[in-house]
Amino acid sequence: MSDIVPACGGTEPISVINGRRWQYVFQPSTGRHGYLDVDNDLITWHRSFHPAHSPELELCAEPPLPERWDAIKQPEEMTLYW
């Protein structure tokens, strides 16, 4: 985890949200973004997580990419005729 840097080219400031300090971070080796809980040194990598808007996703793991694709695939023979 030594390659984690503040997002926005290293200029992302630390923000206080709901009484806790958060920083939006980037991991260049994987291309992932996440939120670092500065007070507890924990990172939430879930793309839908935001400390103010979706705190219920804190420390949740995002499903692997193939599982996300399967969840949004539509049946091939779906007809759109009335």
Protein backbone atom coordinates (compact mmCIF):
# COMPACT_ATOMS: atom_id res chain seq x y z
CA MET A 1 0.00 0.00 0.00
CA SER A 2 3.01 2.25 -0.31
CA ASP A 3 1.95 3.49 -3.73
CA ILE A 4 -1.24 5.23 -2.56
CA VAL A 5 -1.24 8.96 -3.24
CA PRO A 6 -3.80 11.71 -2.85
CA ALA A 7 -6.03 11.91 -5.92
CA CYS A 8 -6.14 14.85 -8.33
CA GLY A 9 -2.44 14.61 -9.07
CA GLY A 10 -1.55 14.64 -5.38
CA THR A 11 -3.52 17.80 -4.58
CA GLU A 12 -6.65 16.30 -3.02
CA PRO A 13 -7.16 17.92 0.40
CA ILE A 14 -8.26 16.16 3.57
CA SER A 15 -11.95 16.83 4.26
CA VAL A 16 -13.93 16.55 7.47
CA ILE A 17 -17.18 14.72 6.78
CA ASN A 18 -19.52 13.75 9.62
CA GLY A 19 -16.80 14.46 12.16
CA ARG A 20 -14.16 12.23 10.55
CA ARG A 21 -11.22 13.12 8.30
CA TRP A 22 -11.30 11.63 4.79
CA GLN A 23 -9.03 11.89 1.76
CA TYR A 24 -9.80 10.75 -1.77
CA VAL A 25 -6.82 8.65 -2.88
CA PHE A 26 -5.45 6.92 -5.98
CA GLN A 27 -3.41 3.72 -6.31
CA PRO A 28 -1.38 3.98 -9.55
CA SER A 29 -0.43 0.29 -9.67
CA THR A 30 -4.08 -0.82 -9.94
CA GLY A 31 -5.77 2.37 -11.20
CA ARG A 32 -8.24 2.32 -8.31
CA HIS A 33 -9.63 5.28 -6.41
CA GLY A 34 -10.91 5.15 -2.87
CA TYR A 35 -11.49 7.04 0.35
CA LEU A 36 -8.90 6.92 3.11
CA ASP A 37 -10.19 7.29 6.66
CA VAL A 38 -7.25 9.36 7.90
CA ASP A 39 -8.03 8.79 11.58
CA ASN A 40 -8.18 4.98 11.33
CA ASP A 41 -5.87 4.31 8.32
CA LEU A 42 -8.56 2.30 6.52
CA ILE A 43 -9.38 2.62 2.82
CA THR A 44 -12.74 1.90 1.23
CA TRP A 45 -12.28 0.97 -2.43
CA HIS A 46 -15.98 0.61 -3.34
CA ARG A 47 -16.72 2.97 -6.26
CA SER A 48 -20.18 3.89 -4.96
CA PHE A 49 -18.94 4.79 -1.48
CA HIS A 50 -18.89 8.38 -0.32
CA PRO A 51 -18.64 9.31 3.38
CA ALA A 52 -21.51 11.80 3.16
CA HIS A 53 -23.82 10.19 0.59
CA SER A 54 -23.48 6.43 1.09
CA PRO A 55 -21.78 5.71 4.41
CA GLU A 56 -23.40 2.26 4.55
CA LEU A 57 -20.82 1.06 2.00
CA GLU A 58 -17.85 1.86 4.26
CA LEU A 59 -15.37 -1.06 4.22
CA CYS A 60 -17.60 -3.02 1.81
CA ALA A 61 -15.88 -4.91 -0.97
CA GLU A 62 -17.00 -4.38 -4.53
CA PRO A 63 -17.82 -7.58 -6.42
CA PRO A 64 -15.27 -8.66 -9.05
CA LEU A 65 -15.77 -7.30 -12.56
CA PRO A 66 -17.20 -10.50 -14.13
CA GLU A 67 -19.88 -10.63 -11.44
CA ARG A 68 -20.81 -6.99 -12.09
CA TRP A 69 -21.07 -7.69 -15.83
CA ASP A 70 -23.34 -10.69 -15.22
CA ALA A 71 -25.59 -8.57 -13.03
CA ILE A 72 -26.22 -6.02 -15.79
CA LYS A 73 -26.45 -8.36 -18.78
CA GLN A 74 -29.83 -8.56 -20.39
CA PRO A 75 -31.17 -11.70 -22.02
CA GLU A 76 -30.17 -11.85 -25.69
CA GLU A 77 -33.64 -12.79 -26.90
CA MET A 78 -35.44 -10.00 -25.15
CA THR A 79 -38.01 -8.62 -27.55
CA LEU A 80 -39.10 -5.04 -27.55
CA TYR A 81 -42.26 -5.58 -29.57
CA TRP A 82 -45.66 -4.85 -28.09
